């Protein structure tokens, strides 16, 4: 947390690394520094969700194979859609760290939805080190959100869909950060 006092006429510039793709939460108040810190300690940050849209035009759908290649599409913010969008072609699993841009000790809950298909699609998880793959869900219906799954910062997300009905397949990915203890508390409470 950084507190920056700003006065009338001041300008604020934010310099980021890694291509500028980071999560920034900014709160503007008329509080003094000590009042702001006190308020921040009483009010924990709200988990932020993030939504991505991958557009695949042409005759092929999404494919997470071969597992040896990563697919790291460049996303750009679409103000009209209020999400990050890409139409870059590529195959292979997507590194979760490209989607969950939070500290490395935090993972994400993720759900996907496919459009433009007429058969079931799939979602896979791939281990970042050994490249082992497991199907998380193989019966994702067109325009239906998948079940919610957890991915860690070093996992890879494997998308698979049949060829498009006409010319385009769209995959929406929605995720939210998971605090380190929350996931383990949930697993403990459900005796998993």
N, C-alpha and C. Protein backbone atom coordinates (compact mmCIF):
# COMPACT_ATOMS: atom_id res chain seq x y z
N UNK A 1 0.85 -1.17 0.00
CA UNK A 1 0.00 0.00 0.00
C UNK A 1 0.90 1.23 0.00
N UNK A 2 0.56 2.17 -0.85
CA UNK A 2 1.32 3.42 -0.95
C UNK A 2 0.34 4.57 -0.78
N UNK A 3 0.69 5.51 0.06
CA UNK A 3 -0.12 6.71 0.25
C UNK A 3 0.61 7.87 -0.40
N UNK A 4 -0.07 8.57 -1.28
CA UNK A 4 0.54 9.68 -2.00
C UNK A 4 -0.32 10.92 -1.81
N UNK A 5 0.19 11.94 -1.11
CA UNK A 5 -0.59 13.19 -1.00
C UNK A 5 -0.51 13.97 -2.31
N UNK A 6 -1.64 14.41 -2.78
CA UNK A 6 -1.71 15.18 -4.03
C UNK A 6 -2.43 16.49 -3.74
N UNK A 7 -1.91 17.56 -4.31
CA UNK A 7 -2.48 18.89 -4.09
C UNK A 7 -3.05 19.40 -5.40
N UNK A 8 -3.92 20.42 -5.36
CA UNK A 8 -4.50 20.95 -6.59
C UNK A 8 -3.41 21.30 -7.61
N UNK A 9 -3.61 20.85 -8.84
CA UNK A 9 -2.65 21.11 -9.90
C UNK A 9 -1.60 20.02 -10.06
N UNK A 10 -1.49 19.11 -9.08
CA UNK A 10 -0.53 17.99 -9.19
C UNK A 10 -1.01 16.98 -10.21
N UNK A 11 -0.07 16.22 -10.75
CA UNK A 11 -0.37 15.12 -11.67
C UNK A 11 0.22 13.85 -11.10
N UNK A 12 -0.43 12.75 -11.34
CA UNK A 12 0.04 11.46 -10.85
C UNK A 12 0.37 10.58 -12.06
N UNK A 13 1.59 10.05 -12.10
CA UNK A 13 1.99 9.13 -13.16
C UNK A 13 2.34 7.80 -12.51
N UNK A 14 1.89 6.72 -13.13
CA UNK A 14 2.17 5.38 -12.62
C UNK A 14 3.01 4.65 -13.66
N UNK A 15 4.17 4.20 -13.23
CA UNK A 15 5.08 3.46 -14.11
C UNK A 15 5.02 2.00 -13.72
N UNK A 16 4.72 1.12 -14.67
CA UNK A 16 4.63 -0.31 -14.39
C UNK A 16 5.69 -1.06 -15.18
N UNK A 17 5.92 -2.30 -14.76
CA UNK A 17 6.86 -3.17 -15.46
C UNK A 17 6.07 -4.29 -16.13
N UNK A 18 6.77 -5.22 -16.80
CA UNK A 18 6.16 -6.37 -17.45
C UNK A 18 5.10 -5.97 -18.46
N UNK A 19 5.37 -4.97 -19.26
CA UNK A 19 4.44 -4.58 -20.31
C UNK A 19 3.24 -3.79 -19.81
N UNK A 20 3.25 -3.42 -18.54
CA UNK A 20 2.16 -2.61 -18.02
C UNK A 20 0.95 -3.39 -17.57
N UNK A 21 0.97 -4.72 -17.63
CA UNK A 21 -0.20 -5.52 -17.26
C UNK A 21 -0.12 -5.90 -15.79
N UNK A 22 -0.63 -5.03 -14.94
CA UNK A 22 -0.66 -5.28 -13.50
C UNK A 22 -2.01 -4.84 -12.96
N UNK A 23 -2.32 -5.28 -11.76
CA UNK A 23 -3.57 -4.90 -11.10
C UNK A 23 -3.29 -3.73 -10.18
N UNK A 24 -3.94 -2.60 -10.42
CA UNK A 24 -3.77 -1.41 -9.59
C UNK A 24 -5.13 -1.03 -9.03
N UNK A 25 -5.18 -0.88 -7.72
CA UNK A 25 -6.40 -0.42 -7.08
C UNK A 25 -6.11 0.95 -6.49
N UNK A 26 -6.84 1.97 -6.93
CA UNK A 26 -6.59 3.33 -6.49
C UNK A 26 -7.81 3.84 -5.73
N UNK A 27 -7.56 4.42 -4.57
CA UNK A 27 -8.62 5.03 -3.76
C UNK A 27 -8.26 6.49 -3.57
N UNK A 28 -9.20 7.36 -3.92
CA UNK A 28 -8.98 8.79 -3.79
C UNK A 28 -9.85 9.30 -2.64
N UNK A 29 -9.22 9.92 -1.65
CA UNK A 29 -9.95 10.46 -0.50
C UNK A 29 -9.41 11.84 -0.16
N UNK A 30 -10.09 12.51 0.76
CA UNK A 30 -9.62 13.80 1.27
C UNK A 30 -9.06 13.63 2.68
N UNK A 31 -8.57 12.43 2.99
CA UNK A 31 -8.07 12.14 4.31
C UNK A 31 -6.59 12.48 4.43
N UNK A 32 -6.15 12.75 5.65
CA UNK A 32 -4.73 12.90 5.92
C UNK A 32 -4.10 11.51 5.88
N UNK A 33 -2.77 11.46 5.82
CA UNK A 33 -2.08 10.18 5.70
C UNK A 33 -2.43 9.24 6.86
N UNK A 34 -2.41 9.71 8.08
CA UNK A 34 -2.71 8.83 9.22
C UNK A 34 -4.16 8.36 9.18
N UNK A 35 -5.08 9.23 8.77
CA UNK A 35 -6.49 8.83 8.65
C UNK A 35 -6.66 7.79 7.55
N UNK A 36 -5.94 7.97 6.45
CA UNK A 36 -6.04 7.02 5.34
C UNK A 36 -5.52 5.64 5.74
N UNK A 37 -4.39 5.60 6.42
CA UNK A 37 -3.83 4.32 6.87
C UNK A 37 -4.79 3.64 7.83
N UNK A 38 -5.36 4.39 8.74
CA UNK A 38 -6.32 3.83 9.69
C UNK A 38 -7.53 3.25 8.96
N UNK A 39 -8.04 3.97 7.97
CA UNK A 39 -9.17 3.48 7.17
C UNK A 39 -8.79 2.22 6.39
N UNK A 40 -7.60 2.20 5.81
CA UNK A 40 -7.16 1.04 5.03
C UNK A 40 -7.02 -0.19 5.90
N UNK A 41 -6.56 -0.03 7.13
CA UNK A 41 -6.42 -1.17 8.03
C UNK A 41 -7.78 -1.73 8.46
N UNK A 42 -8.80 -0.88 8.51
CA UNK A 42 -10.14 -1.33 8.88
C UNK A 42 -10.91 -1.90 7.69
N UNK A 43 -10.48 -1.58 6.46
CA UNK A 43 -11.21 -1.98 5.26
C UNK A 43 -10.29 -2.77 4.35
N UNK A 44 -10.34 -4.12 4.42
CA UNK A 44 -9.47 -4.90 3.54
C UNK A 44 -9.88 -4.73 2.07
N UNK A 45 -8.95 -4.92 1.14
CA UNK A 45 -9.29 -4.76 -0.28
C UNK A 45 -10.30 -5.82 -0.73
N UNK A 46 -11.15 -5.43 -1.63
CA UNK A 46 -12.16 -6.33 -2.19
C UNK A 46 -11.51 -7.16 -3.29
N UNK A 47 -11.78 -8.48 -3.35
CA UNK A 47 -11.20 -9.27 -4.44
C UNK A 47 -11.66 -8.74 -5.80
N UNK A 48 -10.71 -8.54 -6.68
CA UNK A 48 -11.01 -8.01 -8.01
C UNK A 48 -11.14 -9.17 -9.00
N UNK A 49 -12.14 -9.11 -9.85
CA UNK A 49 -12.30 -10.13 -10.88
C UNK A 49 -11.70 -9.59 -12.17
N UNK A 50 -11.42 -10.48 -13.06
CA UNK A 50 -10.82 -10.12 -14.34
C UNK A 50 -11.47 -10.98 -15.41
N UNK A 51 -11.72 -10.39 -16.56
CA UNK A 51 -12.35 -11.14 -17.65
C UNK A 51 -11.54 -10.95 -18.92
N UNK A 52 -11.34 -12.09 -19.63
CA UNK A 52 -10.59 -12.12 -20.88
C UNK A 52 -11.49 -12.69 -21.97
N UNK A 53 -11.27 -12.25 -23.21
CA UNK A 53 -11.97 -12.84 -24.37
C UNK A 53 -10.92 -13.19 -25.41
N UNK A 54 -10.93 -14.48 -25.81
CA UNK A 54 -10.06 -14.95 -26.87
C UNK A 54 -10.93 -15.23 -28.09
N UNK A 55 -10.58 -14.63 -29.21
CA UNK A 55 -11.35 -14.80 -30.46
C UNK A 55 -10.50 -15.58 -31.43
N UNK A 56 -11.05 -16.65 -31.95
CA UNK A 56 -10.32 -17.51 -32.89
C UNK A 56 -11.13 -17.57 -34.18
N UNK A 57 -10.62 -16.94 -35.23
CA UNK A 57 -11.27 -16.95 -36.54
C UNK A 57 -10.61 -17.97 -37.44
N UNK A 58 -11.37 -18.53 -38.34
CA UNK A 58 -10.84 -19.53 -39.26
C UNK A 58 -11.53 -20.86 -39.06
N UNK A 59 -10.91 -21.92 -39.52
CA UNK A 59 -11.57 -23.22 -39.51
C UNK A 59 -11.30 -24.04 -38.26
N UNK A 60 -10.38 -23.60 -37.41
CA UNK A 60 -10.02 -24.39 -36.24
C UNK A 60 -10.55 -23.81 -34.95
N UNK A 61 -10.71 -24.67 -33.95
CA UNK A 61 -11.10 -24.23 -32.62
C UNK A 61 -9.86 -24.04 -31.76
N UNK A 62 -10.06 -24.01 -30.46
CA UNK A 62 -8.96 -23.90 -29.51
C UNK A 62 -8.35 -25.28 -29.29
N UNK A 63 -7.05 -25.32 -29.07
CA UNK A 63 -6.36 -26.59 -28.84
C UNK A 63 -5.18 -26.35 -27.90
N UNK A 64 -5.17 -27.05 -26.77
CA UNK A 64 -4.08 -26.87 -25.81
C UNK A 64 -2.88 -27.76 -26.11
N UNK A 65 -2.98 -28.55 -27.16
CA UNK A 65 -1.86 -29.40 -27.57
C UNK A 65 -1.08 -28.69 -28.67
N UNK A 66 0.19 -28.83 -28.80
CA UNK A 66 1.08 -29.68 -28.00
C UNK A 66 1.38 -29.02 -26.65
N UNK A 67 1.58 -29.84 -25.65
CA UNK A 67 1.80 -29.35 -24.29
C UNK A 67 3.16 -28.67 -24.11
N UNK A 68 4.09 -28.90 -25.04
CA UNK A 68 5.44 -28.32 -24.89
C UNK A 68 5.46 -26.83 -25.21
N UNK A 69 4.50 -26.33 -25.98
CA UNK A 69 4.46 -24.92 -26.35
C UNK A 69 3.46 -24.17 -25.48
N UNK A 70 3.85 -22.99 -24.98
CA UNK A 70 2.91 -22.12 -24.28
C UNK A 70 2.25 -21.19 -25.27
N UNK A 71 1.00 -20.87 -25.01
CA UNK A 71 0.26 -19.91 -25.81
C UNK A 71 0.08 -18.67 -24.93
N UNK A 72 0.79 -17.62 -25.23
CA UNK A 72 0.73 -16.38 -24.44
C UNK A 72 0.24 -15.24 -25.32
N UNK A 73 -1.08 -15.19 -25.54
CA UNK A 73 -1.60 -14.15 -26.43
C UNK A 73 -1.50 -12.76 -25.81
N UNK A 74 -1.23 -11.76 -26.64
CA UNK A 74 -1.20 -10.38 -26.13
C UNK A 74 -2.63 -9.83 -26.02
N UNK A 75 -3.04 -9.49 -24.82
CA UNK A 75 -4.38 -8.96 -24.61
C UNK A 75 -4.34 -7.44 -24.62
N UNK A 76 -5.42 -6.83 -25.09
CA UNK A 76 -5.56 -5.38 -25.09
C UNK A 76 -6.91 -5.04 -24.46
N UNK A 77 -6.95 -3.97 -23.69
CA UNK A 77 -8.18 -3.56 -23.02
C UNK A 77 -9.17 -3.02 -24.04
N UNK A 78 -10.40 -3.51 -23.98
CA UNK A 78 -11.48 -3.02 -24.83
C UNK A 78 -12.44 -2.21 -23.96
N UNK A 79 -12.42 -0.88 -24.08
CA UNK A 79 -13.31 -0.07 -23.25
C UNK A 79 -14.78 -0.39 -23.48
N UNK A 80 -15.15 -0.70 -24.71
CA UNK A 80 -16.55 -1.00 -25.02
C UNK A 80 -17.03 -2.29 -24.38
N UNK A 81 -16.14 -3.27 -24.28
CA UNK A 81 -16.50 -4.57 -23.69
C UNK A 81 -16.13 -4.67 -22.21
N UNK A 82 -15.30 -3.76 -21.73
CA UNK A 82 -14.80 -3.78 -20.35
C UNK A 82 -14.11 -5.09 -20.02
N UNK A 83 -13.28 -5.54 -20.94
CA UNK A 83 -12.49 -6.75 -20.71
C UNK A 83 -11.25 -6.72 -21.59
N UNK A 84 -10.33 -7.64 -21.30
CA UNK A 84 -9.12 -7.78 -22.11
C UNK A 84 -9.41 -8.74 -23.26
N UNK A 85 -9.04 -8.35 -24.49
CA UNK A 85 -9.42 -9.10 -25.69
C UNK A 85 -8.18 -9.39 -26.53
N UNK A 86 -8.18 -10.55 -27.20
CA UNK A 86 -7.14 -10.87 -28.17
C UNK A 86 -7.75 -11.70 -29.30
N UNK A 87 -7.19 -11.55 -30.48
CA UNK A 87 -7.57 -12.39 -31.61
C UNK A 87 -6.33 -13.04 -32.23
N UNK A 88 -5.29 -13.20 -31.42
CA UNK A 88 -4.04 -13.79 -31.87
C UNK A 88 -4.17 -15.31 -31.90
N UNK A 89 -3.79 -15.92 -33.01
CA UNK A 89 -3.86 -17.37 -33.14
C UNK A 89 -2.67 -18.02 -32.46
N UNK A 90 -2.88 -19.23 -31.98
CA UNK A 90 -1.81 -19.99 -31.35
C UNK A 90 -2.39 -21.20 -30.64
N UNK A 91 -1.58 -22.22 -30.46
CA UNK A 91 -1.99 -23.43 -29.76
C UNK A 91 -1.07 -23.66 -28.58
N UNK A 92 -1.55 -24.42 -27.63
CA UNK A 92 -0.78 -24.73 -26.42
C UNK A 92 -1.50 -24.20 -25.20
N UNK A 93 -1.06 -24.62 -24.03
CA UNK A 93 -1.70 -24.14 -22.80
C UNK A 93 -1.29 -22.71 -22.46
N UNK A 94 -2.19 -21.99 -21.80
CA UNK A 94 -1.94 -20.60 -21.41
C UNK A 94 -1.40 -20.58 -19.98
N UNK A 95 -0.25 -19.97 -19.74
CA UNK A 95 0.26 -19.88 -18.37
C UNK A 95 -0.70 -19.08 -17.48
N UNK A 96 -1.04 -19.63 -16.33
CA UNK A 96 -1.96 -18.94 -15.42
C UNK A 96 -1.39 -17.60 -14.99
N UNK A 97 -0.07 -17.48 -14.91
CA UNK A 97 0.53 -16.21 -14.49
C UNK A 97 0.25 -15.10 -15.51
N UNK A 98 -0.07 -15.45 -16.77
CA UNK A 98 -0.45 -14.44 -17.76
C UNK A 98 -1.85 -13.90 -17.51
N UNK A 99 -2.67 -14.69 -16.80
CA UNK A 99 -4.05 -14.30 -16.52
C UNK A 99 -4.23 -13.79 -15.09
N UNK A 100 -3.61 -14.48 -14.14
CA UNK A 100 -3.71 -14.13 -12.71
C UNK A 100 -2.53 -13.26 -12.34
N UNK A 101 -2.58 -12.00 -12.63
CA UNK A 101 -1.43 -11.13 -12.38
C UNK A 101 -1.44 -10.60 -10.96
N UNK A 102 -1.37 -11.53 -10.03
CA UNK A 102 -1.34 -11.22 -8.62
C UNK A 102 -0.01 -11.72 -8.07
N UNK A 103 0.28 -11.48 -6.80
CA UNK A 103 1.52 -12.03 -6.23
C UNK A 103 1.56 -13.55 -6.42
N UNK A 104 2.75 -14.09 -6.58
CA UNK A 104 2.89 -15.50 -6.95
C UNK A 104 2.36 -16.46 -5.91
N UNK A 105 2.14 -16.04 -4.69
CA UNK A 105 1.61 -16.95 -3.68
C UNK A 105 0.09 -17.05 -3.75
N UNK A 106 -0.55 -16.31 -4.64
CA UNK A 106 -1.99 -16.34 -4.75
C UNK A 106 -2.41 -16.97 -6.07
N UNK A 107 -3.37 -17.85 -6.01
CA UNK A 107 -3.93 -18.45 -7.21
C UNK A 107 -5.25 -17.79 -7.56
N UNK A 108 -5.97 -18.40 -8.49
CA UNK A 108 -7.23 -17.84 -8.97
C UNK A 108 -8.28 -18.93 -9.11
N UNK A 109 -9.53 -18.54 -8.89
CA UNK A 109 -10.65 -19.36 -9.31
C UNK A 109 -10.94 -18.96 -10.75
N UNK A 110 -11.21 -19.94 -11.61
CA UNK A 110 -11.39 -19.66 -13.03
C UNK A 110 -12.61 -20.42 -13.56
N UNK A 111 -13.30 -19.78 -14.50
CA UNK A 111 -14.42 -20.40 -15.21
C UNK A 111 -14.34 -19.92 -16.66
N UNK A 112 -14.72 -20.79 -17.61
CA UNK A 112 -14.66 -20.43 -19.03
C UNK A 112 -16.01 -20.66 -19.71
N UNK A 113 -16.21 -19.98 -20.83
CA UNK A 113 -17.42 -20.14 -21.64
C UNK A 113 -17.03 -20.04 -23.10
N UNK A 114 -17.56 -20.94 -23.92
CA UNK A 114 -17.28 -20.95 -25.35
C UNK A 114 -18.54 -20.54 -26.13
N UNK A 115 -18.34 -19.83 -27.23
CA UNK A 115 -19.43 -19.45 -28.12
C UNK A 115 -18.99 -19.75 -29.55
N UNK A 116 -19.96 -20.02 -30.42
CA UNK A 116 -19.68 -20.28 -31.83
C UNK A 116 -19.43 -21.75 -32.13
N UNK A 117 -19.75 -22.64 -31.19
CA UNK A 117 -19.55 -24.08 -31.38
C UNK A 117 -20.89 -24.78 -31.27
N UNK A 118 -20.97 -26.01 -31.78
CA UNK A 118 -22.23 -26.76 -31.67
C UNK A 118 -22.01 -28.11 -30.99
N UNK A 119 -20.89 -28.29 -30.30
CA UNK A 119 -20.61 -29.51 -29.54
C UNK A 119 -19.89 -29.11 -28.27
N UNK A 120 -19.72 -30.07 -27.37
CA UNK A 120 -19.10 -29.78 -26.08
C UNK A 120 -17.63 -29.37 -26.23
N UNK A 121 -17.21 -28.44 -25.38
CA UNK A 121 -15.83 -28.00 -25.31
C UNK A 121 -15.21 -28.53 -24.01
N UNK A 122 -13.92 -28.25 -23.81
CA UNK A 122 -13.22 -28.81 -22.66
C UNK A 122 -12.33 -27.76 -22.00
N UNK A 123 -11.99 -28.04 -20.73
CA UNK A 123 -11.04 -27.24 -19.98
C UNK A 123 -10.07 -28.20 -19.30
N UNK A 124 -8.77 -27.96 -19.46
CA UNK A 124 -7.73 -28.82 -18.90
C UNK A 124 -6.80 -27.99 -18.03
N UNK A 125 -6.15 -28.66 -17.09
CA UNK A 125 -5.09 -28.04 -16.31
C UNK A 125 -3.80 -28.78 -16.63
N UNK A 126 -2.72 -28.02 -16.79
CA UNK A 126 -1.42 -28.59 -17.16
C UNK A 126 -0.40 -28.17 -16.12
N UNK A 127 0.35 -29.13 -15.61
CA UNK A 127 1.40 -28.84 -14.65
C UNK A 127 2.52 -28.08 -15.35
N UNK A 128 2.97 -27.00 -14.74
CA UNK A 128 3.99 -26.16 -15.37
C UNK A 128 5.35 -26.79 -15.46
N UNK A 129 5.66 -27.76 -14.61
CA UNK A 129 6.99 -28.37 -14.60
C UNK A 129 7.04 -29.66 -15.43
N UNK A 130 6.16 -30.60 -15.14
CA UNK A 130 6.19 -31.90 -15.83
C UNK A 130 5.35 -31.95 -17.09
N UNK A 131 4.48 -30.96 -17.27
CA UNK A 131 3.58 -30.90 -18.43
C UNK A 131 2.56 -32.04 -18.42
N UNK A 132 2.25 -32.57 -17.23
CA UNK A 132 1.15 -33.52 -17.12
C UNK A 132 -0.14 -32.74 -17.29
N UNK A 133 -1.13 -33.38 -17.92
CA UNK A 133 -2.40 -32.72 -18.20
C UNK A 133 -3.55 -33.54 -17.63
N UNK A 134 -4.56 -32.85 -17.12
CA UNK A 134 -5.77 -33.51 -16.63
C UNK A 134 -6.97 -32.70 -17.09
N UNK A 135 -8.00 -33.39 -17.52
CA UNK A 135 -9.23 -32.72 -17.93
C UNK A 135 -10.01 -32.29 -16.69
N UNK A 136 -10.29 -31.01 -16.57
CA UNK A 136 -11.11 -30.52 -15.46
C UNK A 136 -12.59 -30.69 -15.78
N UNK A 137 -12.97 -30.41 -17.03
CA UNK A 137 -14.36 -30.57 -17.47
C UNK A 137 -14.37 -30.81 -18.96
N UNK A 138 -15.08 -31.84 -19.40
CA UNK A 138 -15.11 -32.20 -20.82
C UNK A 138 -16.48 -32.00 -21.45
N UNK A 139 -17.43 -31.49 -20.71
CA UNK A 139 -18.80 -31.36 -21.23
C UNK A 139 -19.31 -29.93 -21.13
N UNK A 140 -18.48 -28.97 -21.51
CA UNK A 140 -18.89 -27.57 -21.44
C UNK A 140 -19.77 -27.27 -22.67
N UNK A 141 -21.02 -26.99 -22.41
CA UNK A 141 -22.00 -26.73 -23.47
C UNK A 141 -21.79 -25.33 -24.05
N UNK A 142 -22.16 -25.14 -25.32
CA UNK A 142 -22.05 -23.81 -25.91
C UNK A 142 -22.82 -22.77 -25.10
N UNK A 143 -22.20 -21.65 -24.85
CA UNK A 143 -22.77 -20.51 -24.13
C UNK A 143 -23.14 -20.81 -22.67
N UNK A 144 -22.49 -21.82 -22.09
CA UNK A 144 -22.68 -22.13 -20.67
C UNK A 144 -21.33 -22.01 -19.99
N UNK A 145 -21.30 -21.43 -18.81
CA UNK A 145 -20.07 -21.30 -18.05
C UNK A 145 -19.67 -22.65 -17.49
N UNK A 146 -18.38 -22.92 -17.47
CA UNK A 146 -17.87 -24.15 -16.88
C UNK A 146 -18.02 -24.08 -15.37
N UNK A 147 -17.76 -25.21 -14.72
CA UNK A 147 -17.66 -25.20 -13.27
C UNK A 147 -16.48 -24.30 -12.91
N UNK A 148 -16.40 -23.93 -11.65
CA UNK A 148 -15.31 -23.08 -11.18
C UNK A 148 -14.18 -23.97 -10.68
N UNK A 149 -12.96 -23.67 -11.11
CA UNK A 149 -11.78 -24.44 -10.74
C UNK A 149 -10.71 -23.52 -10.20
N UNK A 150 -9.77 -24.10 -9.46
CA UNK A 150 -8.64 -23.35 -8.91
C UNK A 150 -7.41 -23.60 -9.75
N UNK A 151 -6.67 -22.54 -10.07
CA UNK A 151 -5.37 -22.67 -10.72
C UNK A 151 -4.36 -21.90 -9.89
N UNK A 152 -3.18 -22.48 -9.75
CA UNK A 152 -2.10 -21.83 -9.04
C UNK A 152 -1.28 -21.00 -10.02
N UNK A 153 -0.40 -20.17 -9.50
CA UNK A 153 0.37 -19.26 -10.35
C UNK A 153 1.29 -20.00 -11.32
N UNK A 154 1.66 -21.26 -11.03
CA UNK A 154 2.58 -21.99 -11.92
C UNK A 154 1.87 -23.02 -12.78
N UNK A 155 0.54 -23.08 -12.74
CA UNK A 155 -0.22 -23.98 -13.60
C UNK A 155 -0.40 -23.37 -14.98
N UNK A 156 -0.85 -24.20 -15.91
CA UNK A 156 -1.22 -23.73 -17.25
C UNK A 156 -2.66 -24.15 -17.51
N UNK A 157 -3.36 -23.33 -18.26
CA UNK A 157 -4.77 -23.57 -18.56
C UNK A 157 -4.89 -24.07 -19.99
N UNK A 158 -5.50 -25.23 -20.17
CA UNK A 158 -5.66 -25.81 -21.50
C UNK A 158 -7.07 -25.64 -22.01
N UNK A 159 -7.23 -24.93 -23.12
CA UNK A 159 -8.54 -24.74 -23.75
C UNK A 159 -8.66 -25.68 -24.94
N UNK A 160 -9.83 -26.29 -25.09
CA UNK A 160 -10.09 -27.12 -26.27
C UNK A 160 -11.53 -26.91 -26.68
N UNK A 161 -11.73 -26.71 -27.98
CA UNK A 161 -13.09 -26.59 -28.51
C UNK A 161 -13.13 -27.20 -29.90
N UNK A 162 -14.32 -27.64 -30.31
CA UNK A 162 -14.44 -28.10 -31.70
C UNK A 162 -14.33 -26.91 -32.65
N UNK A 163 -14.29 -27.21 -33.93
CA UNK A 163 -14.22 -26.15 -34.95
C UNK A 163 -15.47 -25.29 -34.87
N UNK A 164 -15.38 -24.04 -35.30
CA UNK A 164 -16.54 -23.15 -35.22
C UNK A 164 -17.67 -23.58 -36.15
N UNK A 165 -18.87 -23.20 -35.79
CA UNK A 165 -20.04 -23.49 -36.62
C UNK A 165 -19.93 -22.72 -37.93
N UNK A 166 -19.59 -21.47 -37.86
CA UNK A 166 -19.48 -20.64 -39.06
C UNK A 166 -18.01 -20.31 -39.30
N UNK A 167 -17.49 -19.30 -38.62
CA UNK A 167 -16.11 -18.91 -38.88
C UNK A 167 -15.34 -18.52 -37.63
N UNK A 168 -16.02 -18.33 -36.49
CA UNK A 168 -15.36 -17.81 -35.31
C UNK A 168 -15.77 -18.56 -34.05
N UNK A 169 -14.78 -18.85 -33.20
CA UNK A 169 -15.01 -19.40 -31.87
C UNK A 169 -14.53 -18.36 -30.87
N UNK A 170 -15.29 -18.16 -29.83
CA UNK A 170 -14.92 -17.22 -28.78
C UNK A 170 -14.86 -17.97 -27.46
N UNK A 171 -13.81 -17.69 -26.68
CA UNK A 171 -13.70 -18.25 -25.34
C UNK A 171 -13.55 -17.10 -24.36
N UNK A 172 -14.49 -17.01 -23.43
CA UNK A 172 -14.39 -16.02 -22.35
C UNK A 172 -13.83 -16.71 -21.12
N UNK A 173 -12.88 -16.07 -20.47
CA UNK A 173 -12.28 -16.58 -19.24
C UNK A 173 -12.53 -15.55 -18.16
N UNK A 174 -13.12 -15.99 -17.06
CA UNK A 174 -13.35 -15.10 -15.94
C UNK A 174 -12.64 -15.67 -14.73
N UNK A 175 -11.95 -14.81 -13.98
CA UNK A 175 -11.24 -15.31 -12.81
C UNK A 175 -11.23 -14.27 -11.71
N UNK A 176 -11.00 -14.77 -10.51
CA UNK A 176 -10.91 -13.92 -9.33
C UNK A 176 -9.79 -14.45 -8.46
N UNK A 177 -9.08 -13.55 -7.82
CA UNK A 177 -7.96 -13.92 -6.96
C UNK A 177 -8.45 -14.68 -5.73
N UNK A 178 -7.65 -15.63 -5.29
CA UNK A 178 -7.93 -16.38 -4.07
C UNK A 178 -6.83 -16.07 -3.07
N UNK A 179 -7.20 -15.60 -1.91
CA UNK A 179 -6.21 -15.35 -0.87
C UNK A 179 -5.62 -16.67 -0.43
N UNK A 180 -4.35 -16.71 -0.01
CA UNK A 180 -3.67 -17.96 0.29
C UNK A 180 -4.43 -18.87 1.26
N UNK A 181 -4.96 -18.32 2.33
CA UNK A 181 -5.63 -19.17 3.31
C UNK A 181 -7.04 -19.57 2.94
N UNK A 182 -7.72 -18.79 2.09
CA UNK A 182 -9.13 -19.05 1.79
C UNK A 182 -9.36 -20.42 1.17
N UNK A 183 -8.50 -20.79 0.23
CA UNK A 183 -8.70 -22.07 -0.45
C UNK A 183 -8.49 -23.23 0.51
N UNK A 184 -7.46 -23.17 1.32
CA UNK A 184 -7.21 -24.25 2.27
C UNK A 184 -8.29 -24.32 3.33
N UNK A 185 -8.81 -23.17 3.78
CA UNK A 185 -9.90 -23.19 4.74
C UNK A 185 -11.13 -23.86 4.15
N UNK A 186 -11.42 -23.58 2.87
CA UNK A 186 -12.56 -24.20 2.21
C UNK A 186 -12.38 -25.71 2.06
N UNK A 187 -11.18 -26.13 1.70
CA UNK A 187 -10.92 -27.57 1.59
C UNK A 187 -11.00 -28.24 2.95
N UNK A 188 -10.53 -27.58 3.99
CA UNK A 188 -10.59 -28.13 5.33
C UNK A 188 -12.05 -28.24 5.81
N UNK A 189 -12.84 -27.20 5.57
CA UNK A 189 -14.25 -27.18 5.99
C UNK A 189 -15.05 -28.27 5.29
N UNK A 190 -14.68 -28.59 4.03
CA UNK A 190 -15.41 -29.62 3.27
C UNK A 190 -14.74 -30.98 3.35
N UNK A 191 -13.74 -31.13 4.24
CA UNK A 191 -13.06 -32.39 4.47
C UNK A 191 -12.47 -32.97 3.19
N UNK A 192 -11.82 -32.10 2.40
CA UNK A 192 -11.20 -32.55 1.13
C UNK A 192 -9.72 -32.80 1.32
